[in-house]
C-alpha atoms as a PDB file:
ATOM      1  CA  MET A   1     -18.775 -10.981  -7.309  1.00  0.00           C
ATOM      2  CA  THR A   2     -21.320 -11.631  -4.509  1.00  0.00           C
ATOM      3  CA  ASN A   3     -18.837 -13.700  -2.702  1.00  0.00           C
ATOM      4  CA  ILE A   4     -15.853 -11.507  -3.187  1.00  0.00           C
ATOM      5  CA  LEU A   5     -17.860  -8.466  -1.562  1.00  0.00           C
ATOM      6  CA  ILE A   6     -19.153 -10.888   1.286  1.00  0.00           C
ATOM      7  CA  PHE A   7     -15.421 -11.775   2.060  1.00  0.00           C
ATOM      8  CA  ALA A   8     -14.544  -8.363   1.858  1.00  0.00           C
ATOM      9  CA  ARG A   9     -17.129  -7.307   4.632  1.00  0.00           C
ATOM     10  CA  LEU A  10     -16.267 -10.106   6.893  1.00  0.00           C
ATOM     11  CA  THR A  11     -12.418  -9.455   6.805  1.00  0.00           C
ATOM     12  CA  VAL A  12     -13.000  -5.830   7.687  1.00  0.00           C
ATOM     13  CA  LEU A  13     -15.378  -7.115  10.621  1.00  0.00           C
ATOM     14  CA  GLU A  14     -12.631  -9.525  11.582  1.00  0.00           C
ATOM     15  CA  ALA A  15     -10.245  -6.580  11.640  1.00  0.00           C
ATOM     16  CA  ALA A  16     -12.178  -4.575  13.667  1.00  0.00           C
ATOM     17  CA  ARG A  17     -12.644  -6.843  16.372  1.00  0.00           C
ATOM     18  CA  ARG A  18      -8.575  -7.034  16.684  1.00  0.00           C
ATOM     19  CA  LYS A  19      -6.801  -5.166  19.384  1.00  0.00           C
ATOM     20  CA  VAL A  20      -4.120  -3.990  16.982  1.00  0.00           C
ATOM     21  CA  LEU A  21      -6.361  -2.122  15.035  1.00  0.00           C
ATOM     22  CA  TRP A  22      -7.454   0.021  17.589  1.00  0.00           C
ATOM     23  CA  ALA A  23      -4.210   0.193  19.163  1.00  0.00           C
ATOM     24  CA  LEU A  24      -3.340   1.718  15.740  1.00  0.00           C
ATOM     25  CA  VAL A  25      -5.947   4.330  15.695  1.00  0.00           C
ATOM     26  CA  GLY A  26      -5.112   5.233  19.214  1.00  0.00           C
ATOM     27  CA  MET A  27      -1.459   5.918  18.575  1.00  0.00           C
ATOM     28  CA  ALA A  28      -2.426   8.060  15.480  1.00  0.00           C
ATOM     29  CA  ALA A  29      -4.773   9.992  17.430  1.00  0.00           C
ATOM     30  CA  LEU A  30      -2.215  10.659  19.949  1.00  0.00           C
ATOM     31  CA  ILE A  31       0.500  11.672  17.453  1.00  0.00           C
ATOM     32  CA  ILE A  32      -2.198  13.871  15.778  1.00  0.00           C
ATOM     33  CA  GLY A  33      -3.241  15.835  18.855  1.00  0.00           C
ATOM     34  CA  LEU A  34       0.496  16.183  20.154  1.00  0.00           C
ATOM     35  CA  SER A  35       1.497  17.541  16.718  1.00  0.00           C
ATOM     36  CA  PHE A  36      -1.508  19.987  16.857  1.00  0.00           C
ATOM     37  CA  TRP A  37      -0.311  21.113  19.707  1.00  0.00           C
ATOM     38  CA  GLY A  38       3.109  21.810  18.401  1.00  0.00           C
ATOM     39  CA  PHE A  39       1.822  23.319  15.225  1.00  0.00           C
ATOM     40  CA  SER A  40      -0.353  25.985  17.242  1.00  0.00           C
ATOM     41  CA  ARG A  41       2.885  27.078  18.994  1.00  0.00           C
ATOM     42  CA  LEU A  42       5.099  27.244  16.019  1.00  0.00           C
ATOM     43  CA  PRO A  43       4.070  30.641  14.954  1.00  0.00           C
ATOM     44  CA  ALA A  44       5.243  32.403  18.231  1.00  0.00           C
ATOM     45  CA  VAL A  45       8.697  30.469  18.480  1.00  0.00           C
ATOM     46  CA  HIS A  46      11.610  32.911  18.989  1.00  0.00           C
ATOM     47  CA  ALA A  47      15.283  32.094  17.248  1.00  0.00           C
ATOM     48  CA  PHE A  48      18.125  34.089  18.378  1.00  0.00           C
ATOM     49  CA  GLY A  49      15.777  36.609  20.456  1.00  0.00           C
ATOM     50  CA  THR A  50      13.902  37.242  17.257  1.00  0.00           C
ATOM     51  CA  GLN A  51      10.169  35.733  16.010  1.00  0.00           C
ATOM     52  CA  LEU A  52      10.131  33.698  13.079  1.00  0.00           C
ATOM     53  CA  SER A  53       9.462  35.068   9.957  1.00  0.00           C
ATOM     54  CA  ALA A  54       6.304  33.533   7.873  1.00  0.00           C
ATOM     55  CA  ALA A  55       8.711  32.043   5.465  1.00  0.00           C
ATOM     56  CA  ASN A  56      10.857  30.265   8.321  1.00  0.00           C
ATOM     57  CA  SER A  57       7.659  29.341  10.033  1.00  0.00           C
ATOM     58  CA  HIS A  58       6.300  27.794   6.786  1.00  0.00           C
ATOM     59  CA  LEU A  59       9.648  26.130   6.180  1.00  0.00           C
ATOM     60  CA  ALA A  60       9.452  24.383   9.848  1.00  0.00           C
ATOM     61  CA  THR A  61       5.865  23.668   9.239  1.00  0.00           C
ATOM     62  CA  ALA A  62       6.579  21.633   6.344  1.00  0.00           C
ATOM     63  CA  GLN A  63       9.575  19.809   7.620  1.00  0.00           C
ATOM     64  CA  LEU A  64       7.643  19.126  10.972  1.00  0.00           C
ATOM     65  CA  LEU A  65       4.630  17.991   9.058  1.00  0.00           C
ATOM     66  CA  GLY A  66       6.706  15.798   6.597  1.00  0.00           C
ATOM     67  CA  PHE A  67       8.062  13.916   9.542  1.00  0.00           C
ATOM     68  CA  VAL A  68       4.902  13.385  11.430  1.00  0.00           C
ATOM     69  CA  LEU A  69       3.284  11.879   8.367  1.00  0.00           C
ATOM     70  CA  PHE A  70       6.198   9.625   8.137  1.00  0.00           C
ATOM     71  CA  ALA A  71       5.700   8.701  11.630  1.00  0.00           C
ATOM     72  CA  LEU A  72       1.879   8.278  11.031  1.00  0.00           C
ATOM     73  CA  SER A  73       2.959   6.225   7.670  1.00  0.00           C
ATOM     74  CA  PHE A  74       5.346   4.146   9.924  1.00  0.00           C
ATOM     75  CA  VAL A  75       2.593   3.144  12.594  1.00  0.00           C
ATOM     76  CA  GLY A  76       0.420   2.470   9.590  1.00  0.00           C
ATOM     77  CA  ALA A  77       2.718  -0.077   7.991  1.00  0.00           C
ATOM     78  CA  LEU A  78       3.517  -1.753  11.209  1.00  0.00           C
ATOM     79  CA  GLY A  79      -0.389  -2.271  12.003  1.00  0.00           C
ATOM     80  CA  MET A  80      -1.546  -3.052   8.413  1.00  0.00           C
ATOM     81  CA  SER A  81       1.080  -5.500   8.343  1.00  0.00           C
ATOM     82  CA  PHE A  82       0.118  -7.019  11.580  1.00  0.00           C
ATOM     83  CA  VAL A  83      -3.522  -6.827  10.435  1.00  0.00           C
ATOM     84  CA  ALA A  84      -2.892  -7.978   6.802  1.00  0.00           C
ATOM     85  CA  ALA A  85      -0.461 -10.832   7.459  1.00  0.00           C
ATOM     86  CA  PRO A  86      -2.982 -13.164   9.706  1.00  0.00           C
ATOM     87  CA  THR A  87      -5.760 -12.556   7.110  1.00  0.00           C
ATOM     88  CA  ILE A  88      -4.393 -15.700   4.824  1.00  0.00           C
ATOM     89  CA  GLY A  89      -1.459 -16.938   7.144  1.00  0.00           C
ATOM     90  CA  GLY A  90      -3.204 -17.257  10.482  1.00  0.00           C
ATOM     91  CA  GLU A  91      -6.437 -18.984   8.627  1.00  0.00           C
ATOM     92  CA  LEU A  92      -3.920 -21.442   6.734  1.00  0.00           C
ATOM     93  CA  GLU A  93      -2.114 -22.347  10.229  1.00  0.00           C
ATOM     94  CA  SER A  94      -5.276 -22.533  12.329  1.00  0.00           C
ATOM     95  CA  GLY A  95      -7.148 -24.527   9.544  1.00  0.00           C
ATOM     96  CA  VAL A  96     -10.044 -21.840   9.129  1.00  0.00           C
ATOM     97  CA  ALA A  97      -9.105 -21.625   5.380  1.00  0.00           C
ATOM     98  CA  LEU A  98     -10.461 -25.180   4.992  1.00  0.00           C
ATOM     99  CA  SER A  99     -13.818 -24.499   6.224  1.00  0.00           C
ATOM    100  CA  LEU A 100     -14.066 -21.252   4.124  1.00  0.00           C
ATOM    101  CA  LEU A 101     -13.029 -23.254   0.915  1.00  0.00           C
ATOM    102  CA  ALA A 102     -15.564 -26.008   1.878  1.00  0.00           C
ATOM    103  CA  ARG A 103     -18.615 -23.546   0.897  1.00  0.00           C
ATOM    104  CA  PRO A 104     -19.107 -22.684  -2.848  1.00  0.00           C
ATOM    105  CA  ALA A 105     -16.430 -20.153  -3.159  1.00  0.00           C
ATOM    106  CA  SER A 106     -13.469 -20.274  -5.161  1.00  0.00           C
ATOM    107  CA  ARG A 107      -9.938 -19.303  -3.767  1.00  0.00           C
ATOM    108  CA  SER A 108      -9.971 -16.547  -6.267  1.00  0.00           C
ATOM    109  CA  GLU A 109     -13.098 -15.176  -4.302  1.00  0.00           C
ATOM    110  CA  VAL A 110     -11.955 -15.665  -0.969  1.00  0.00           C
ATOM    111  CA  LEU A 111      -8.054 -14.181  -1.744  1.00  0.00           C
ATOM    112  CA  LEU A 112      -9.655 -11.106  -3.590  1.00  0.00           C
ATOM    113  CA  GLY A 113     -12.511 -10.648  -0.931  1.00  0.00           C
ATOM    114  CA  LYS A 114     -10.017 -10.464   1.755  1.00  0.00           C
ATOM    115  CA  TRP A 115      -7.362  -8.247  -0.410  1.00  0.00           C
ATOM    116  CA  LEU A 116     -10.380  -5.817  -1.131  1.00  0.00           C
ATOM    117  CA  GLY A 117     -11.586  -5.771   2.435  1.00  0.00           C
ATOM    118  CA  LEU A 118      -7.878  -4.846   3.688  1.00  0.00           C
ATOM    119  CA  VAL A 119      -7.483  -2.044   0.911  1.00  0.00           C
ATOM    120  CA  SER A 120     -10.735  -0.646   1.757  1.00  0.00           C
ATOM    121  CA  LEU A 121      -9.644  -0.420   5.738  1.00  0.00           C
ATOM    122  CA  ALA A 122      -6.375   0.922   4.684  1.00  0.00           C
ATOM    123  CA  VAL A 123      -7.535   3.682   2.283  1.00  0.00           C
ATOM    124  CA  VAL A 124     -10.437   4.722   5.212  1.00  0.00           C
ATOM    125  CA  TYR A 125      -7.520   4.861   7.857  1.00  0.00           C
ATOM    126  CA  VAL A 126      -5.083   6.802   5.808  1.00  0.00           C
ATOM    127  CA  VAL A 127      -7.376   9.294   4.246  1.00  0.00           C
ATOM    128  CA  LEU A 128      -8.887  10.126   7.692  1.00  0.00           C
ATOM    129  CA  VAL A 129      -5.524  10.085   9.353  1.00  0.00           C
ATOM    130  CA  ALA A 130      -3.361  11.947   6.949  1.00  0.00           C
ATOM    131  CA  GLY A 131      -6.411  14.188   6.573  1.00  0.00           C
ATOM    132  CA  ALA A 132      -6.719  15.219  10.084  1.00  0.00           C
ATOM    133  CA  GLU A 133      -2.680  15.655  10.389  1.00  0.00           C
ATOM    134  CA  ILE A 134      -2.881  17.967   7.501  1.00  0.00           C
ATOM    135  CA  ALA A 135      -5.921  19.874   8.677  1.00  0.00           C
ATOM    136  CA  ALA A 136      -4.193  20.286  12.081  1.00  0.00           C
ATOM    137  CA  ALA A 137      -0.926  21.762  10.378  1.00  0.00           C
ATOM    138  CA  GLU A 138      -3.071  24.081   8.237  1.00  0.00           C
ATOM    139  CA  THR A 139      -4.974  25.376  11.193  1.00  0.00           C
ATOM    140  CA  GLY A 140      -1.990  25.581  13.550  1.00  0.00           C
ATOM    141  CA  THR A 141       0.218  27.525  11.646  1.00  0.00           C
ATOM    142  CA  GLY A 142      -1.765  29.099   8.432  1.00  0.00           C
ATOM    143  CA  TYR A 143       0.659  26.858   6.155  1.00  0.00           C
ATOM    144  CA  ARG A 144      -1.370  25.774   2.965  1.00  0.00           C
ATOM    145  CA  VAL A 145      -0.370  22.636   1.440  1.00  0.00           C
ATOM    146  CA  PRO A 146      -0.167  22.609  -2.135  1.00  0.00           C
ATOM    147  CA  ASP A 147      -1.641  19.469  -2.882  1.00  0.00           C
ATOM    148  CA  PRO A 148      -3.418  17.465  -0.266  1.00  0.00           C
ATOM    149  CA  VAL A 149      -5.203  15.228  -2.217  1.00  0.00           C
ATOM    150  CA  THR A 150      -2.185  13.801  -4.044  1.00  0.00           C
ATOM    151  CA  ALA A 151      -0.556  13.515  -0.789  1.00  0.00           C
ATOM    152  CA  VAL A 152      -3.456  11.363   0.692  1.00  0.00           C
ATOM    153  CA  ALA A 153      -3.800   9.504  -2.540  1.00  0.00           C
ATOM    154  CA  LEU A 154      -0.086   8.431  -2.541  1.00  0.00           C
ATOM    155  CA  LEU A 155       0.093   7.384   1.020  1.00  0.00           C
ATOM    156  CA  ALA A 156      -3.331   5.385   0.603  1.00  0.00           C
ATOM    157  CA  ALA A 157      -0.992   3.719  -2.522  1.00  0.00           C
ATOM    158  CA  GLN A 158       1.822   2.993  -0.183  1.00  0.00           C
ATOM    159  CA  ALA A 159      -0.319   1.639   2.277  1.00  0.00           C
ATOM    160  CA  VAL A 160      -1.739  -0.823  -0.268  1.00  0.00           C
ATOM    161  CA  VAL A 161       1.548  -1.729  -1.400  1.00  0.00           C
ATOM    162  CA  LEU A 162       2.662  -2.696   1.757  1.00  0.00           C
ATOM    163  CA  LEU A 163      -0.439  -4.568   2.830  1.00  0.00           C
ATOM    164  CA  SER A 164      -0.291  -6.465  -0.527  1.00  0.00           C
ATOM    165  CA  LEU A 165       2.969  -7.519   0.173  1.00  0.00           C
ATOM    166  CA  ALA A 166       2.458  -8.829   3.748  1.00  0.00           C
ATOM    167  CA  LEU A 167      -0.368 -10.891   2.113  1.00  0.00           C
ATOM    168  CA  LEU A 168       1.771 -12.424  -0.319  1.00  0.00           C
ATOM    169  CA  LEU A 169       4.374 -13.201   2.520  1.00  0.00           C
ATOM    170  CA  SER A 170       1.678 -14.698   4.539  1.00  0.00           C
ATOM    171  CA  THR A 171       1.406 -17.463   1.782  1.00  0.00           C
ATOM    172  CA  LEU A 172       5.117 -18.070   2.317  1.00  0.00           C
ATOM    173  CA  LEU A 173       5.659 -17.512   5.886  1.00  0.00           C
ATOM    174  CA  SER A 174       3.881 -17.518   9.180  1.00  0.00           C
ATOM    175  CA  ALA A 175       1.766 -14.879   9.788  1.00  0.00           C
ATOM    176  CA  MET A 176       3.867 -13.367  12.635  1.00  0.00           C
ATOM    177  CA  ALA A 177       7.288 -14.035  10.473  1.00  0.00           C
ATOM    178  CA  ALA A 178       4.980 -12.460   7.283  1.00  0.00           C
ATOM    179  CA  GLY A 179       4.326  -9.228   9.464  1.00  0.00           C
ATOM    180  CA  VAL A 180       7.892  -8.811  10.752  1.00  0.00           C
ATOM    181  CA  VAL A 181       9.409  -9.337   7.263  1.00  0.00           C
ATOM    182  CA  ALA A 182       7.187  -6.968   5.529  1.00  0.00           C
ATOM    183  CA  VAL A 183       7.778  -4.106   8.032  1.00  0.00           C
ATOM    184  CA  GLY A 184      11.436  -4.716   7.972  1.00  0.00           C
ATOM    185  CA  LEU A 185      11.249  -4.296   4.156  1.00  0.00           C
ATOM    186  CA  PHE A 186       9.312  -1.281   4.560  1.00  0.00           C
ATOM    187  CA  GLY A 187      12.152   0.269   6.824  1.00  0.00           C
ATOM    188  CA  THR A 188      14.791  -1.229   4.555  1.00  0.00           C
ATOM    189  CA  ALA A 189      13.210   0.664   1.617  1.00  0.00           C
ATOM    190  CA  TRP A 190      13.366   3.757   3.529  1.00  0.00           C
ATOM    191  CA  VAL A 191      16.881   3.846   4.359  1.00  0.00           C
ATOM    192  CA  ALA A 192      17.878   2.507   1.118  1.00  0.00           C
ATOM    193  CA  GLY A 193      16.187   5.615  -0.041  1.00  0.00           C
ATOM    194  CA  LEU A 194      17.808   7.583   1.907  1.00  0.00           C
ATOM    195  CA  VAL A 195      21.206   6.470   1.000  1.00  0.00           C
ATOM    196  CA  GLY A 196      19.858   7.264  -2.581  1.00  0.00           C
ATOM    197  CA  ASP A 197      19.370  11.057  -1.539  1.00  0.00           C
ATOM    198  CA  ILE A 198      23.070  10.973  -0.016  1.00  0.00           C
ATOM    199  CA  GLY A 199      24.253  10.163  -3.087  1.00  0.00           C
ATOM    200  CA  GLN A 200      22.629  12.748  -4.933  1.00  0.00           C
ATOM    201  CA  THR A 201      23.842  15.432  -2.811  1.00  0.00           C
ATOM    202  CA  LEU A 202      27.453  13.998  -3.081  1.00  0.00           C
ATOM    203  CA  GLN A 203      26.861  13.551  -6.712  1.00  0.00           C
ATOM    204  CA  ASP A 204      27.940  10.104  -6.600  1.00  0.00           C
ATOM    205  CA  SER A 205      26.092   8.287  -9.267  1.00  0.00           C
ATOM    206  CA  SER A 206      27.042   4.783  -7.822  1.00  0.00           C
ATOM    207  CA  VAL A 207      25.520   5.602  -4.237  1.00  0.00           C
ATOM    208  CA  ALA A 208      22.574   7.259  -5.823  1.00  0.00           C
ATOM    209  CA  GLU A 209      21.783   4.380  -8.068  1.00  0.00           C
ATOM    210  CA  VAL A 210      20.848   2.687  -4.755  1.00  0.00           C
ATOM    211  CA  GLY A 211      17.962   4.530  -4.359  1.00  0.00           C
ATOM    212  CA  THR A 212      16.828   4.204  -7.935  1.00  0.00           C
ATOM    213  CA  VAL A 213      17.118   0.291  -7.206  1.00  0.00           C
ATOM    214  CA  ASP A 214      15.065   0.533  -4.129  1.00  0.00           C
ATOM    215  CA  HIS A 215      12.138   2.477  -5.868  1.00  0.00           C
ATOM    216  CA  LEU A 216      11.872  -0.302  -8.300  1.00  0.00           C
ATOM    217  CA  LEU A 217      12.066  -3.158  -6.194  1.00  0.00           C
ATOM    218  CA  LEU A 218       9.605  -1.797  -3.745  1.00  0.00           C
ATOM    219  CA  PRO A 219       7.622   1.288  -4.312  1.00  0.00           C
ATOM    220  CA  THR A 220       6.881   2.589  -0.986  1.00  0.00           C
ATOM    221  CA  ASP A 221       9.925   5.104  -1.018  1.00  0.00           C
ATOM    222  CA  GLY A 222       9.116   6.338  -4.392  1.00  0.00           C
ATOM    223  CA  LEU A 223       5.669   6.865  -3.386  1.00  0.00           C
ATOM    224  CA  TRP A 224       6.808   8.562  -0.225  1.00  0.00           C
ATOM    225  CA  ASN A 225       8.843  11.023  -2.191  1.00  0.00           C
ATOM    226  CA  GLY A 226       5.663  11.975  -3.948  1.00  0.00           C
ATOM    227  CA  VAL A 227       4.115  12.727  -1.057  1.00  0.00           C
ATOM    228  CA  MET A 228       6.511  15.030   0.184  1.00  0.00           C
ATOM    229  CA  ASN A 229       6.609  16.732  -3.212  1.00  0.00           C
ATOM    230  CA  ALA A 230       3.045  17.494  -2.841  1.00  0.00           C
ATOM    231  CA  ILE A 231       3.032  18.976   0.675  1.00  0.00           C
ATOM    232  CA  ASP A 232       5.919  21.395  -0.214  1.00  0.00           C
ATOM    233  CA  GLN A 233       5.162  24.704  -1.547  1.00  0.00           C
ATOM    234  CA  THR A 234       7.534  25.363  -4.416  1.00  0.00           C
ATOM    235  CA  SER A 235       8.388  28.998  -3.065  1.00  0.00           C
ATOM    236  CA  LEU A 236       9.758  27.344  -0.105  1.00  0.00           C
ATOM    237  CA  MET A 237      11.815  25.012  -2.088  1.00  0.00           C
ATOM    238  CA  THR A 238      13.123  27.817  -4.541  1.00  0.00           C
ATOM    239  CA  SER A 239      13.946  30.072  -1.536  1.00  0.00           C
ATOM    240  CA  PHE A 240      15.621  27.331   0.461  1.00  0.00           C
ATOM    241  CA  SER A 241      17.043  25.115  -2.000  1.00  0.00           C
ATOM    242  CA  ASP A 242      20.615  25.312  -0.779  1.00  0.00           C
ATOM    243  CA  ARG A 243      19.342  23.819   2.578  1.00  0.00           C
ATOM    244  CA  LEU A 244      16.904  20.987   0.995  1.00  0.00           C
ATOM    245  CA  VAL A 245      19.623  19.210  -0.842  1.00  0.00           C
ATOM    246  CA  GLY A 246      19.412  15.784   0.336  1.00  0.00           C
ATOM    247  CA  ASN A 247      16.550  16.394   3.040  1.00  0.00           C
ATOM    248  CA  PRO A 248      14.274  13.132   3.038  1.00  0.00           C
ATOM    249  CA  PHE A 249      11.256  15.244   4.122  1.00  0.00           C
ATOM    250  CA  PHE A 250      11.673  17.677   0.770  1.00  0.00           C
ATOM    251  CA  GLN A 251      11.407  16.644  -2.813  1.00  0.00           C
ATOM    252  CA  THR A 252      11.711  19.122  -5.769  1.00  0.00           C
ATOM    253  CA  SER A 253      10.417  16.894  -8.538  1.00  0.00           C
ATOM    254  CA  GLY A 254       7.004  15.048  -8.607  1.00  0.00           C
ATOM    255  CA  LEU A 255       6.262  11.270  -9.690  1.00  0.00           C
ATOM    256  CA  THR A 256       6.430  10.729 -13.257  1.00  0.00           C
ATOM    257  CA  ILE A 257       3.532   8.728 -15.191  1.00  0.00           C
ATOM    258  CA  THR A 258       5.982   6.082 -15.692  1.00  0.00           C
ATOM    259  CA  TYR A 259       7.071   5.524 -12.197  1.00  0.00           C
ATOM    260  CA  LEU A 260       3.389   5.383 -11.142  1.00  0.00           C
ATOM    261  CA  LEU A 261       2.543   3.026 -13.936  1.00  0.00           C
ATOM    262  CA  TRP A 262       5.447   0.825 -12.775  1.00  0.00           C
ATOM    263  CA  SER A 263       3.899   1.188  -9.125  1.00  0.00           C
ATOM    264  CA  ALA A 264       0.721   0.099 -10.531  1.00  0.00           C
ATOM    265  CA  ALA A 265       2.524  -2.845 -12.510  1.00  0.00           C
ATOM    266  CA  TRP A 266       4.349  -4.272  -9.307  1.00  0.00           C
ATOM    267  CA  LEU A 267       1.122  -4.109  -7.392  1.00  0.00           C
ATOM    268  CA  LEU A 268      -0.517  -6.089  -9.966  1.00  0.00           C
ATOM    269  CA  ALA A 269       2.220  -8.750 -10.147  1.00  0.00           C
ATOM    270  CA  VAL A 270       2.407  -8.882  -6.266  1.00  0.00           C
ATOM    271  CA  VAL A 271      -1.557  -9.775  -6.136  1.00  0.00           C
ATOM    272  CA  VAL A 272      -1.270 -12.475  -9.246  1.00  0.00           C
ATOM    273  CA  ALA A 273       1.642 -13.907  -7.427  1.00  0.00           C
ATOM    274  CA  THR A 274      -0.494 -14.449  -4.108  1.00  0.00           C
ATOM    275  CA  HIS A 275      -3.218 -15.885  -6.181  1.00  0.00           C
ATOM    276  CA  LEU A 276      -1.093 -18.212  -7.532  1.00  0.00           C
ATOM    277  CA  ARG A 277       0.731 -19.140  -4.359  1.00  0.00           C
ATOM    278  CA  PHE A 278      -2.574 -19.163  -2.280  1.00  0.00           C
ATOM    279  CA  SER A 279      -4.246 -21.477  -5.286  1.00  0.00           C
ATOM    280  CA  ARG A 280      -1.561 -24.269  -4.716  1.00  0.00           C
ATOM    281  CA  VAL A 281      -1.017 -24.379  -0.897  1.00  0.00           C
ATOM    282  CA  GLU A 282      -2.018 -27.518   0.684  1.00  0.00           C
ATOM    283  CA  LEU A 283      -5.071 -27.126   3.204  1.00  0.00           C
END
């Protein structure tokens, strides 16, 4: 256990020295700052010569908050993938892994330590960034997010799923390729989920199944749906239900316990697969 914590600490320190991490923080700060400015001006917006009603203002806030959180999650996915991928892949390519494993530490300890360090980094990033964005929306418009804790927790889970996938890919591909593929799969999963939403809107079961399969193969978009449900007020979804059908930034139902358990099992399977692959890699 001591070795695992040592490698976790070293992973966090190594990530802190990478420019991509600080670029990620800078981009997130810029997005939050600009969105706060937008939120603060939203209550004074006029449409067709009249000021927005409180209900319409809150509807616009919820949609904008969902869009900004998605932008932050995409920036986070991009950054975390390129932080996670070199953690194993880069060290395998450079030969650093050989010196690490020459010490009295098993491959399992090295891998779990690095994974734990990356998870800690991702969770702290998501909590700070998503928490700041939700606070900006609430301060600027008066809109109250119904379940901010669940929203932040699911965003953190999404980040952990993606970095775990990037870590697995880094044992199979070069560090750069692993990062690119991880981000590509994240984007593909979101598009497939959108296709599924369109299928539900059109009541086309075959198209809707695309989203269902997508949520099982890669849980990132399924977890994102849970985030959207957590930030949407029930009263808004009831009042504007006819406008929200098929909207990727509104979800009328939360995640089931079964799906959360599936996501946990998926994550465990990826971590186990990474361990099995890393234990057989020739140094």
